[in-house]
Amino acid sequence: MRILNYGSLNIDHVYGVSHLVRPGETIGSTSYTRFCGGKGLNQSVALARAGAEVWHAGKIGAEGKFLKERLLADGVNVDFVEEVDASTGHAVIQVDSNGENAIVIHGGANRAITRSDAERVLADFCPKDWLLLQNEISATGDVLALAAARGMRVAFNPAPFGPEVSDYPLENVDLFILNETEGQGLAGRAGADEIADRLLTRFPNSAIILTLGSRGALYTDGAGSFEAAAHRVAAVDTTAAGDTFIGFFLASYTRGLDVRHCLELACRAATLCVTRAGAADAIPTLAEIDR
């Protein structure tokens, strides 16, 4: 079984700041670092480091070749990463002294993906395979629908959340993984339990995971629900915590491991991630989690 991650590839420009900049305010940064990033790339790296067989599909500009090389170095198949005549997607990220972040994204080549691109890529995959999607590329709804038509199973992380998400063919999603902000946007409810209940009512054939930050994560499906606690650590940078969680959960879940174990493993991986700076660079390996 393979996992196809059809997702974004970004260059992250990370600025250390004393506090997240307020409207009308100009502040100096305490540091600057360039990282590989994008929710898609981060989640592919997390999947690979968690032991999954993962293919990445997406687009980069000429200056983004090092992103493709980074995926290769982590064992990700990049046959479907295409270089195009557009700027590589990038993000401007502020990280404050408490490890909290604020992010501005420029889509670039990530927004050049078309339905015909998706048809060409998905032709290589079969019903036993999984598709992982976020909401940082164009044609997301088309990718989702085409994968479902091929009988693939679909995991969807609707991040960043926007009103267009509700227009996607979400009835084809097997597994939603989302935080409380994204859950509230999709469910129209506040509070973890109410969000989970509403989403399960709307999508009774799906499993729902709500990530709750320092409170861990909640899993629910038609058979029941349970939570996994987060571990208390001193956070350095929370940028890729959610992506790490998704990669480690999906890698173990698609191997048929006990769901509770998958959730606890993903929480441990995300906890270790926040103790490190950067996005993809902060994602741990399965061996590190075991230790």
C-alpha atoms as a PDB file:
ATOM      1  CA  MET A   1       0.000   0.000   0.000  1.00  0.00           C
ATOM      2  CA  ARG A   2       1.283   3.446  -0.975  1.00  0.00           C
ATOM      3  CA  ILE A   3       0.429   6.915   0.283  1.00  0.00           C
ATOM      4  CA  LEU A   4       0.229   9.692  -2.304  1.00  0.00           C
ATOM      5  CA  ASN A   5       0.553  13.132  -0.751  1.00  0.00           C
ATOM      6  CA  TYR A   6      -0.650  15.702  -3.290  1.00  0.00           C
ATOM      7  CA  GLY A   7       0.550  18.805  -1.536  1.00  0.00           C
ATOM      8  CA  SER A   8       2.412  22.065  -1.273  1.00  0.00           C
ATOM      9  CA  LEU A   9       6.156  22.665  -1.439  1.00  0.00           C
ATOM     10  CA  ASN A  10       7.290  25.921   0.168  1.00  0.00           C
ATOM     11  CA  ILE A  11      10.409  27.808   1.103  1.00  0.00           C
ATOM     12  CA  ASP A  12       9.952  28.988   4.699  1.00  0.00           C
ATOM     13  CA  HIS A  13      11.517  32.284   5.745  1.00  0.00           C
ATOM     14  CA  VAL A  14      11.484  32.178   9.558  1.00  0.00           C
ATOM     15  CA  TYR A  15      12.018  35.252  11.711  1.00  0.00           C
ATOM     16  CA  GLY A  16      12.523  35.075  15.458  1.00  0.00           C
ATOM     17  CA  VAL A  17      10.646  37.904  17.208  1.00  0.00           C
ATOM     18  CA  SER A  18      10.020  38.993  20.789  1.00  0.00           C
ATOM     19  CA  HIS A  19       6.270  38.943  20.084  1.00  0.00           C
ATOM     20  CA  LEU A  20       4.024  38.479  17.042  1.00  0.00           C
ATOM     21  CA  VAL A  21       3.789  41.782  15.219  1.00  0.00           C
ATOM     22  CA  ARG A  22       0.620  43.805  15.811  1.00  0.00           C
ATOM     23  CA  PRO A  23      -1.305  45.832  13.168  1.00  0.00           C
ATOM     24  CA  GLY A  24       0.611  48.995  12.314  1.00  0.00           C
ATOM     25  CA  GLU A  25       3.694  47.863  14.224  1.00  0.00           C
ATOM     26  CA  THR A  26       7.248  47.431  12.915  1.00  0.00           C
ATOM     27  CA  ILE A  27       9.684  45.346  14.949  1.00  0.00           C
ATOM     28  CA  GLY A  28      13.153  43.933  14.461  1.00  0.00           C
ATOM     29  CA  SER A  29      13.824  40.226  14.266  1.00  0.00           C
ATOM     30  CA  THR A  30      16.235  38.438  16.547  1.00  0.00           C
ATOM     31  CA  SER A  31      17.105  35.794  13.944  1.00  0.00           C
ATOM     32  CA  TYR A  32      16.478  34.645  10.371  1.00  0.00           C
ATOM     33  CA  THR A  33      16.599  31.121   8.955  1.00  0.00           C
ATOM     34  CA  ARG A  34      15.475  29.536   5.665  1.00  0.00           C
ATOM     35  CA  PHE A  35      13.858  26.112   5.848  1.00  0.00           C
ATOM     36  CA  CYS A  36      12.121  23.605   3.603  1.00  0.00           C
ATOM     37  CA  GLY A  37       8.388  23.788   4.289  1.00  0.00           C
ATOM     38  CA  GLY A  38       4.803  23.736   3.133  1.00  0.00           C
ATOM     39  CA  LYS A  39       2.207  21.539   4.792  1.00  0.00           C
ATOM     40  CA  GLY A  40       2.528  19.060   1.952  1.00  0.00           C
ATOM     41  CA  LEU A  41       6.303  18.716   2.148  1.00  0.00           C
ATOM     42  CA  ASN A  42       6.259  18.605   5.958  1.00  0.00           C
ATOM     43  CA  GLN A  43       3.671  15.839   5.996  1.00  0.00           C
ATOM     44  CA  SER A  44       5.561  13.802   3.392  1.00  0.00           C
ATOM     45  CA  VAL A  45       8.732  14.066   5.471  1.00  0.00           C
ATOM     46  CA  ALA A  46       6.785  13.036   8.587  1.00  0.00           C
ATOM     47  CA  LEU A  47       5.243  10.070   6.767  1.00  0.00           C
ATOM     48  CA  ALA A  48       8.641   8.915   5.519  1.00  0.00           C
ATOM     49  CA  ARG A  49      10.297   9.327   8.922  1.00  0.00           C
ATOM     50  CA  ALA A  50       7.454   7.337  10.443  1.00  0.00           C
ATOM     51  CA  GLY A  51       8.187   4.465   8.044  1.00  0.00           C
ATOM     52  CA  ALA A  52       5.549   4.934   5.335  1.00  0.00           C
ATOM     53  CA  GLU A  53       5.969   4.327   1.605  1.00  0.00           C
ATOM     54  CA  VAL A  54       5.129   7.809   0.336  1.00  0.00           C
ATOM     55  CA  TRP A  55       4.941   9.536  -3.046  1.00  0.00           C
ATOM     56  CA  HIS A  56       4.767  13.321  -3.255  1.00  0.00           C
ATOM     57  CA  ALA A  57       3.013  15.169  -6.091  1.00  0.00           C
ATOM     58  CA  GLY A  58       3.256  18.924  -6.567  1.00  0.00           C
ATOM     59  CA  LYS A  59       4.979  21.774  -8.373  1.00  0.00           C
ATOM     60  CA  ILE A  60       8.024  23.978  -7.752  1.00  0.00           C
ATOM     61  CA  GLY A  61       9.821  26.820  -9.526  1.00  0.00           C
ATOM     62  CA  ALA A  62      13.482  26.762 -10.497  1.00  0.00           C
ATOM     63  CA  GLU A  63      14.586  28.111  -7.102  1.00  0.00           C
ATOM     64  CA  GLY A  64      12.781  25.267  -5.327  1.00  0.00           C
ATOM     65  CA  LYS A  65      14.934  22.357  -6.543  1.00  0.00           C
ATOM     66  CA  PHE A  66      16.397  21.915  -3.069  1.00  0.00           C
ATOM     67  CA  LEU A  67      12.897  21.063  -1.783  1.00  0.00           C
ATOM     68  CA  LYS A  68      12.762  18.091  -4.148  1.00  0.00           C
ATOM     69  CA  GLU A  69      16.242  17.066  -3.058  1.00  0.00           C
ATOM     70  CA  ARG A  70      15.166  17.246   0.571  1.00  0.00           C
ATOM     71  CA  LEU A  71      12.250  14.907  -0.049  1.00  0.00           C
ATOM     72  CA  LEU A  72      14.546  12.479  -1.841  1.00  0.00           C
ATOM     73  CA  ALA A  73      16.971  12.532   1.083  1.00  0.00           C
ATOM     74  CA  ASP A  74      14.147  11.407   3.379  1.00  0.00           C
ATOM     75  CA  GLY A  75      13.170   8.533   1.078  1.00  0.00           C
ATOM     76  CA  VAL A  76      10.115  10.170  -0.506  1.00  0.00           C
ATOM     77  CA  ASN A  77       9.387   9.283  -4.146  1.00  0.00           C
ATOM     78  CA  VAL A  78       9.403  12.550  -6.162  1.00  0.00           C
ATOM     79  CA  ASP A  79       8.510  11.249  -9.631  1.00  0.00           C
ATOM     80  CA  PHE A  80       5.439  13.530  -9.581  1.00  0.00           C
ATOM     81  CA  VAL A  81       7.161  16.715  -8.372  1.00  0.00           C
ATOM     82  CA  GLU A  82       7.232  18.960 -11.451  1.00  0.00           C
ATOM     83  CA  GLU A  83       9.347  22.074 -12.080  1.00  0.00           C
ATOM     84  CA  VAL A  84       7.295  24.812 -13.782  1.00  0.00           C
ATOM     85  CA  ASP A  85       7.707  28.408 -14.947  1.00  0.00           C
ATOM     86  CA  ALA A  86       6.408  30.002 -11.746  1.00  0.00           C
ATOM     87  CA  SER A  87       7.841  31.065  -8.413  1.00  0.00           C
ATOM     88  CA  THR A  88       8.106  28.401  -5.751  1.00  0.00           C
ATOM     89  CA  GLY A  89       5.553  28.778  -2.987  1.00  0.00           C
ATOM     90  CA  HIS A  90       6.917  30.422   0.124  1.00  0.00           C
ATOM     91  CA  ALA A  91       5.945  31.428   3.642  1.00  0.00           C
ATOM     92  CA  VAL A  92       6.968  34.277   5.939  1.00  0.00           C
ATOM     93  CA  ILE A  93       6.858  32.946   9.493  1.00  0.00           C
ATOM     94  CA  GLN A  94       7.179  34.809  12.783  1.00  0.00           C
ATOM     95  CA  VAL A  95       8.099  32.726  15.843  1.00  0.00           C
ATOM     96  CA  ASP A  96       7.899  34.445  19.235  1.00  0.00           C
ATOM     97  CA  SER A  97       9.776  33.758  22.459  1.00  0.00           C
ATOM     98  CA  ASN A  98       7.055  31.288  23.561  1.00  0.00           C
ATOM     99  CA  GLY A  99       7.266  29.242  20.360  1.00  0.00           C
ATOM    100  CA  GLU A 100       3.958  30.517  18.940  1.00  0.00           C
ATOM    101  CA  ASN A 101       3.871  31.457  15.269  1.00  0.00           C
ATOM    102  CA  ALA A 102       2.097  33.592  12.678  1.00  0.00           C
ATOM    103  CA  ILE A 103       2.388  32.715   8.982  1.00  0.00           C
ATOM    104  CA  VAL A 104       1.788  34.459   5.635  1.00  0.00           C
ATOM    105  CA  ILE A 105       1.800  32.158   2.587  1.00  0.00           C
ATOM    106  CA  HIS A 106       2.372  32.906  -1.116  1.00  0.00           C
ATOM    107  CA  GLY A 107       1.034  29.979  -3.142  1.00  0.00           C
ATOM    108  CA  GLY A 108       3.213  30.346  -6.260  1.00  0.00           C
ATOM    109  CA  ALA A 109       3.640  27.070  -8.155  1.00  0.00           C
ATOM    110  CA  ASN A 110       1.376  25.310  -5.650  1.00  0.00           C
ATOM    111  CA  ARG A 111      -1.522  27.181  -7.248  1.00  0.00           C
ATOM    112  CA  ALA A 112      -0.648  26.007 -10.779  1.00  0.00           C
ATOM    113  CA  ILE A 113      -1.992  22.464 -10.327  1.00  0.00           C
ATOM    114  CA  THR A 114      -4.879  21.559 -12.667  1.00  0.00           C
ATOM    115  CA  ARG A 115      -7.429  18.774 -12.986  1.00  0.00           C
ATOM    116  CA  SER A 116      -5.486  17.337 -15.934  1.00  0.00           C
ATOM    117  CA  ASP A 117      -2.363  17.224 -13.748  1.00  0.00           C
ATOM    118  CA  ALA A 118      -4.319  15.260 -11.164  1.00  0.00           C
ATOM    119  CA  GLU A 119      -5.665  12.827 -13.758  1.00  0.00           C
ATOM    120  CA  ARG A 120      -2.146  12.110 -14.993  1.00  0.00           C
ATOM    121  CA  VAL A 121      -0.719  11.554 -11.497  1.00  0.00           C
ATOM    122  CA  LEU A 122      -3.602   9.502 -10.106  1.00  0.00           C
ATOM    123  CA  ALA A 123      -3.519   7.124 -13.060  1.00  0.00           C
ATOM    124  CA  ASP A 124      -0.541   5.453 -11.353  1.00  0.00           C
ATOM    125  CA  PHE A 125      -2.431   4.617  -8.150  1.00  0.00           C
ATOM    126  CA  CYS A 126      -5.007   1.992  -7.236  1.00  0.00           C
ATOM    127  CA  PRO A 127      -7.835   1.314  -4.751  1.00  0.00           C
ATOM    128  CA  LYS A 128      -5.470  -0.094  -2.117  1.00  0.00           C
ATOM    129  CA  ASP A 129      -3.606   3.230  -1.943  1.00  0.00           C
ATOM    130  CA  TRP A 130      -4.232   6.299   0.208  1.00  0.00           C
ATOM    131  CA  LEU A 131      -4.383   9.946  -0.830  1.00  0.00           C
ATOM    132  CA  LEU A 132      -3.403  12.665   1.648  1.00  0.00           C
ATOM    133  CA  LEU A 133      -4.561  16.229   0.913  1.00  0.00           C
ATOM    134  CA  GLN A 134      -4.241  19.630   2.550  1.00  0.00           C
ATOM    135  CA  ASN A 135      -5.684  22.943   1.317  1.00  0.00           C
ATOM    136  CA  GLU A 136      -2.557  24.714   0.012  1.00  0.00           C
ATOM    137  CA  ILE A 137      -2.757  23.678  -3.656  1.00  0.00           C
ATOM    138  CA  SER A 138      -5.167  24.483  -6.473  1.00  0.00           C
ATOM    139  CA  ALA A 139      -7.604  21.845  -7.808  1.00  0.00           C
ATOM    140  CA  THR A 140      -7.970  20.255  -4.357  1.00  0.00           C
ATOM    141  CA  GLY A 141     -11.609  19.367  -4.953  1.00  0.00           C
ATOM    142  CA  ASP A 142     -10.757  17.766  -8.305  1.00  0.00           C
ATOM    143  CA  VAL A 143      -7.916  15.734  -6.784  1.00  0.00           C
ATOM    144  CA  LEU A 144     -10.230  14.495  -4.039  1.00  0.00           C
ATOM    145  CA  ALA A 145     -13.028  13.527  -6.426  1.00  0.00           C
ATOM    146  CA  LEU A 146     -10.712  11.789  -8.900  1.00  0.00           C
ATOM    147  CA  ALA A 147      -9.022   9.768  -6.161  1.00  0.00           C
ATOM    148  CA  ALA A 148     -12.377   8.648  -4.768  1.00  0.00           C
ATOM    149  CA  ALA A 149     -13.496   7.634  -8.258  1.00  0.00           C
ATOM    150  CA  ARG A 150     -10.435   5.370  -8.459  1.00  0.00           C
ATOM    151  CA  GLY A 151     -11.388   3.778  -5.146  1.00  0.00           C
ATOM    152  CA  MET A 152      -8.498   5.295  -3.200  1.00  0.00           C
ATOM    153  CA  ARG A 153      -8.969   6.086   0.491  1.00  0.00           C
ATOM    154  CA  VAL A 154      -8.681   9.765   1.340  1.00  0.00           C
ATOM    155  CA  ALA A 155      -7.270  11.572   4.369  1.00  0.00           C
ATOM    156  CA  PHE A 156      -7.942  15.325   4.364  1.00  0.00           C
ATOM    157  CA  ASN A 157      -6.370  18.064   6.455  1.00  0.00           C
ATOM    158  CA  PRO A 158      -8.400  21.210   5.560  1.00  0.00           C
ATOM    159  CA  ALA A 159      -5.601  23.638   6.372  1.00  0.00           C
ATOM    160  CA  PRO A 160      -5.533  26.504   5.913  1.00  0.00           C
ATOM    161  CA  PHE A 161      -9.329  26.539   6.209  1.00  0.00           C
ATOM    162  CA  GLY A 162     -11.339  28.703   3.809  1.00  0.00           C
ATOM    163  CA  PRO A 163     -14.995  28.828   2.691  1.00  0.00           C
ATOM    164  CA  GLU A 164     -14.122  26.883  -0.474  1.00  0.00           C
ATOM    165  CA  VAL A 165     -13.565  23.756   1.648  1.00  0.00           C
ATOM    166  CA  SER A 166     -17.306  23.305   2.082  1.00  0.00           C
ATOM    167  CA  ASP A 167     -17.667  23.052  -1.713  1.00  0.00           C
ATOM    168  CA  TYR A 168     -15.283  20.098  -1.987  1.00  0.00           C
ATOM    169  CA  PRO A 169     -16.803  16.579  -2.308  1.00  0.00           C
ATOM    170  CA  LEU A 170     -16.168  15.886   1.383  1.00  0.00           C
ATOM    171  CA  GLU A 171     -18.480  12.875   1.434  1.00  0.00           C
ATOM    172  CA  ASN A 172     -15.532  11.035  -0.165  1.00  0.00           C
ATOM    173  CA  VAL A 173     -13.180  11.691   2.771  1.00  0.00           C
ATOM    174  CA  ASP A 174     -12.405   8.625   4.904  1.00  0.00           C
ATOM    175  CA  LEU A 175     -10.384  10.458   7.548  1.00  0.00           C
ATOM    176  CA  PHE A 176     -10.510  14.116   8.571  1.00  0.00           C
ATOM    177  CA  ILE A 177      -7.548  15.442  10.575  1.00  0.00           C
ATOM    178  CA  LEU A 178      -8.029  19.026  11.692  1.00  0.00           C
ATOM    179  CA  ASN A 179      -7.434  21.418  14.572  1.00  0.00           C
ATOM    180  CA  GLU A 180     -10.159  23.224  16.527  1.00  0.00           C
ATOM    181  CA  THR A 181     -10.049  26.341  14.329  1.00  0.00           C
ATOM    182  CA  GLU A 182     -10.451  24.287  11.158  1.00  0.00           C
ATOM    183  CA  GLY A 183     -13.057  22.106  12.852  1.00  0.00           C
ATOM    184  CA  GLN A 184     -15.074  25.120  13.908  1.00  0.00           C
ATOM    185  CA  GLY A 185     -14.977  26.477  10.363  1.00  0.00           C
ATOM    186  CA  LEU A 186     -16.197  23.201   8.877  1.00  0.00           C
ATOM    187  CA  ALA A 187     -18.708  22.263  11.580  1.00  0.00           C
ATOM    188  CA  GLY A 188     -20.018  25.713  12.474  1.00  0.00           C
ATOM    189  CA  ARG A 189     -19.691  24.746  16.138  1.00  0.00           C
ATOM    190  CA  ALA A 190     -17.296  25.605  18.964  1.00  0.00           C
ATOM    191  CA  GLY A 191     -15.756  23.200  21.481  1.00  0.00           C
ATOM    192  CA  ALA A 192     -14.041  19.921  20.658  1.00  0.00           C
ATOM    193  CA  ASP A 193     -16.938  17.613  21.562  1.00  0.00           C
ATOM    194  CA  GLU A 194     -19.533  19.651  19.679  1.00  0.00           C
ATOM    195  CA  ILE A 195     -17.263  19.939  16.622  1.00  0.00           C
ATOM    196  CA  ALA A 196     -16.613  16.189  16.584  1.00  0.00           C
ATOM    197  CA  ASP A 197     -20.313  15.348  17.039  1.00  0.00           C
ATOM    198  CA  ARG A 198     -21.369  17.704  14.261  1.00  0.00           C
ATOM    199  CA  LEU A 199     -18.778  16.431  11.808  1.00  0.00           C
ATOM    200  CA  LEU A 200     -19.653  12.822  12.549  1.00  0.00           C
ATOM    201  CA  THR A 201     -23.320  13.617  11.926  1.00  0.00           C
ATOM    202  CA  ARG A 202     -22.466  15.222   8.589  1.00  0.00           C
ATOM    203  CA  PHE A 203     -19.968  12.523   7.589  1.00  0.00           C
ATOM    204  CA  PRO A 204     -21.102   9.289   9.280  1.00  0.00           C
ATOM    205  CA  ASN A 205     -18.786   7.108   7.199  1.00  0.00           C
ATOM    206  CA  SER A 206     -15.677   9.100   8.121  1.00  0.00           C
ATOM    207  CA  ALA A 207     -13.315   9.044  11.069  1.00  0.00           C
ATOM    208  CA  ILE A 208     -12.564  12.403  12.699  1.00  0.00           C
ATOM    209  CA  ILE A 209      -9.404  13.500  14.496  1.00  0.00           C
ATOM    210  CA  LEU A 210      -9.276  16.846  16.286  1.00  0.00           C
ATOM    211  CA  THR A 211      -5.821  17.986  17.352  1.00  0.00           C
ATOM    212  CA  LEU A 212      -6.061  20.016  20.565  1.00  0.00           C
ATOM    213  CA  GLY A 213      -2.581  21.490  20.971  1.00  0.00           C
ATOM    214  CA  SER A 214      -1.271  21.112  24.495  1.00  0.00           C
ATOM    215  CA  ARG A 215      -4.370  19.033  25.356  1.00  0.00           C
ATOM    216  CA  GLY A 216      -3.521  16.237  22.929  1.00  0.00           C
ATOM    217  CA  ALA A 217      -5.990  14.881  20.372  1.00  0.00           C
ATOM    218  CA  LEU A 218      -9.513  13.442  20.068  1.00  0.00           C
ATOM    219  CA  TYR A 219     -10.480  10.553  17.756  1.00  0.00           C
ATOM    220  CA  THR A 220     -14.063   9.642  16.925  1.00  0.00           C
ATOM    221  CA  ASP A 221     -15.865   7.412  14.432  1.00  0.00           C
ATOM    222  CA  GLY A 222     -19.120   5.477  14.290  1.00  0.00           C
ATOM    223  CA  ALA A 223     -17.837   2.958  16.837  1.00  0.00           C
ATOM    224  CA  GLY A 224     -16.839   5.401  19.580  1.00  0.00           C
ATOM    225  CA  SER A 225     -14.303   8.016  20.611  1.00  0.00           C
ATOM    226  CA  PHE A 226     -11.261   8.484  22.845  1.00  0.00           C
ATOM    227  CA  GLU A 227      -8.497  10.993  23.561  1.00  0.00           C
ATOM    228  CA  ALA A 228      -4.719  10.912  23.818  1.00  0.00           C
ATOM    229  CA  ALA A 229      -2.888  13.361  26.057  1.00  0.00           C
ATOM    230  CA  ALA A 230       0.000  15.569  25.005  1.00  0.00           C
ATOM    231  CA  HIS A 231       3.258  15.578  26.946  1.00  0.00           C
ATOM    232  CA  ARG A 232       4.346  18.787  28.687  1.00  0.00           C
ATOM    233  CA  VAL A 233       7.564  20.260  27.249  1.00  0.00           C
ATOM    234  CA  ALA A 234       9.122  23.679  26.769  1.00  0.00           C
ATOM    235  CA  ALA A 235       8.058  24.643  23.237  1.00  0.00           C
ATOM    236  CA  VAL A 236      10.651  26.188  20.933  1.00  0.00           C
ATOM    237  CA  ASP A 237       8.654  26.297  17.663  1.00  0.00           C
ATOM    238  CA  THR A 238       5.174  24.882  16.972  1.00  0.00           C
ATOM    239  CA  THR A 239       5.329  25.391  13.181  1.00  0.00           C
ATOM    240  CA  ALA A 240       5.302  21.734  12.052  1.00  0.00           C
ATOM    241  CA  ALA A 241       3.641  20.094  15.060  1.00  0.00           C
ATOM    242  CA  GLY A 242       0.352  19.439  13.284  1.00  0.00           C
ATOM    243  CA  ASP A 243       2.094  18.135  10.168  1.00  0.00           C
ATOM    244  CA  THR A 244       4.209  15.803  12.291  1.00  0.00           C
ATOM    245  CA  PHE A 245       1.087  14.505  14.032  1.00  0.00           C
ATOM    246  CA  ILE A 246      -0.617  13.802  10.701  1.00  0.00           C
ATOM    247  CA  GLY A 247       2.363  11.998   9.193  1.00  0.00           C
ATOM    248  CA  PHE A 248       2.946   9.739  12.181  1.00  0.00           C
ATOM    249  CA  PHE A 249      -0.741   8.974  12.669  1.00  0.00           C
ATOM    250  CA  LEU A 250      -1.402   8.146   9.016  1.00  0.00           C
ATOM    251  CA  ALA A 251       1.774   6.075   8.619  1.00  0.00           C
ATOM    252  CA  SER A 252       0.785   3.783  11.496  1.00  0.00           C
ATOM    253  CA  TYR A 253      -2.975   3.875  10.779  1.00  0.00           C
ATOM    254  CA  THR A 254      -2.515   2.699   7.192  1.00  0.00           C
ATOM    255  CA  ARG A 255      -0.446  -0.231   8.471  1.00  0.00           C
ATOM    256  CA  GLY A 256      -3.495  -1.410  10.396  1.00  0.00           C
ATOM    257  CA  LEU A 257      -2.163  -0.669  13.889  1.00  0.00           C
ATOM    258  CA  ASP A 258      -4.516  -0.072  16.814  1.00  0.00           C
ATOM    259  CA  VAL A 259      -6.045   3.383  16.486  1.00  0.00           C
ATOM    260  CA  ARG A 260      -5.364   4.329  20.092  1.00  0.00           C
ATOM    261  CA  HIS A 261      -1.695   3.428  19.609  1.00  0.00           C
ATOM    262  CA  CYS A 262      -1.595   5.511  16.408  1.00  0.00           C
ATOM    263  CA  LEU A 263      -3.038   8.532  18.220  1.00  0.00           C
ATOM    264  CA  GLU A 264      -0.634   8.248  21.137  1.00  0.00           C
ATOM    265  CA  LEU A 265       2.348   7.817  18.803  1.00  0.00           C
ATOM    266  CA  ALA A 266       1.332  10.906  16.828  1.00  0.00           C
ATOM    267  CA  CYS A 267       1.026  12.962  20.022  1.00  0.00           C
ATOM    268  CA  ARG A 268       4.510  11.895  21.128  1.00  0.00           C
ATOM    269  CA  ALA A 269       5.967  12.784  17.730  1.00  0.00           C
ATOM    270  CA  ALA A 270       4.330  16.229  17.740  1.00  0.00           C
ATOM    271  CA  THR A 271       5.565  16.836  21.285  1.00  0.00           C
ATOM    272  CA  LEU A 272       9.160  16.153  20.281  1.00  0.00           C
ATOM    273  CA  CYS A 273       8.766  18.319  17.173  1.00  0.00           C
ATOM    274  CA  VAL A 274       7.883  21.471  19.159  1.00  0.00           C
ATOM    275  CA  THR A 275      11.158  21.252  21.112  1.00  0.00           C
ATOM    276  CA  ARG A 276      13.075  22.013  17.877  1.00  0.00           C
ATOM    277  CA  ALA A 277      13.285  24.982  15.526  1.00  0.00           C
ATOM    278  CA  GLY A 278      12.068  24.870  11.938  1.00  0.00           C
ATOM    279  CA  ALA A 279       9.478  22.934   9.997  1.00  0.00           C
ATOM    280  CA  ALA A 280      10.701  19.822   8.144  1.00  0.00           C
ATOM    281  CA  ASP A 281      13.993  20.004  10.029  1.00  0.00           C
ATOM    282  CA  ALA A 282      12.150  19.652  13.338  1.00  0.00           C
ATOM    283  CA  ILE A 283      10.290  16.445  12.467  1.00  0.00           C
ATOM    284  CA  PRO A 284      11.617  13.445  14.431  1.00  0.00           C
ATOM    285  CA  THR A 285      12.218   9.908  13.200  1.00  0.00           C
ATOM    286  CA  LEU A 286      10.409   6.833  14.457  1.00  0.00           C
ATOM    287  CA  ALA A 287      13.625   5.681  16.122  1.00  0.00           C
ATOM    288  CA  GLU A 288      13.802   8.949  18.089  1.00  0.00           C
ATOM    289  CA  ILE A 289      10.219   8.487  19.245  1.00  0.00           C
ATOM    290  CA  ASP A 290      10.960   4.940  20.376  1.00  0.00           C
ATOM    291  CA  ARG A 291      13.944   6.181  22.390  1.00  0.00           C
END
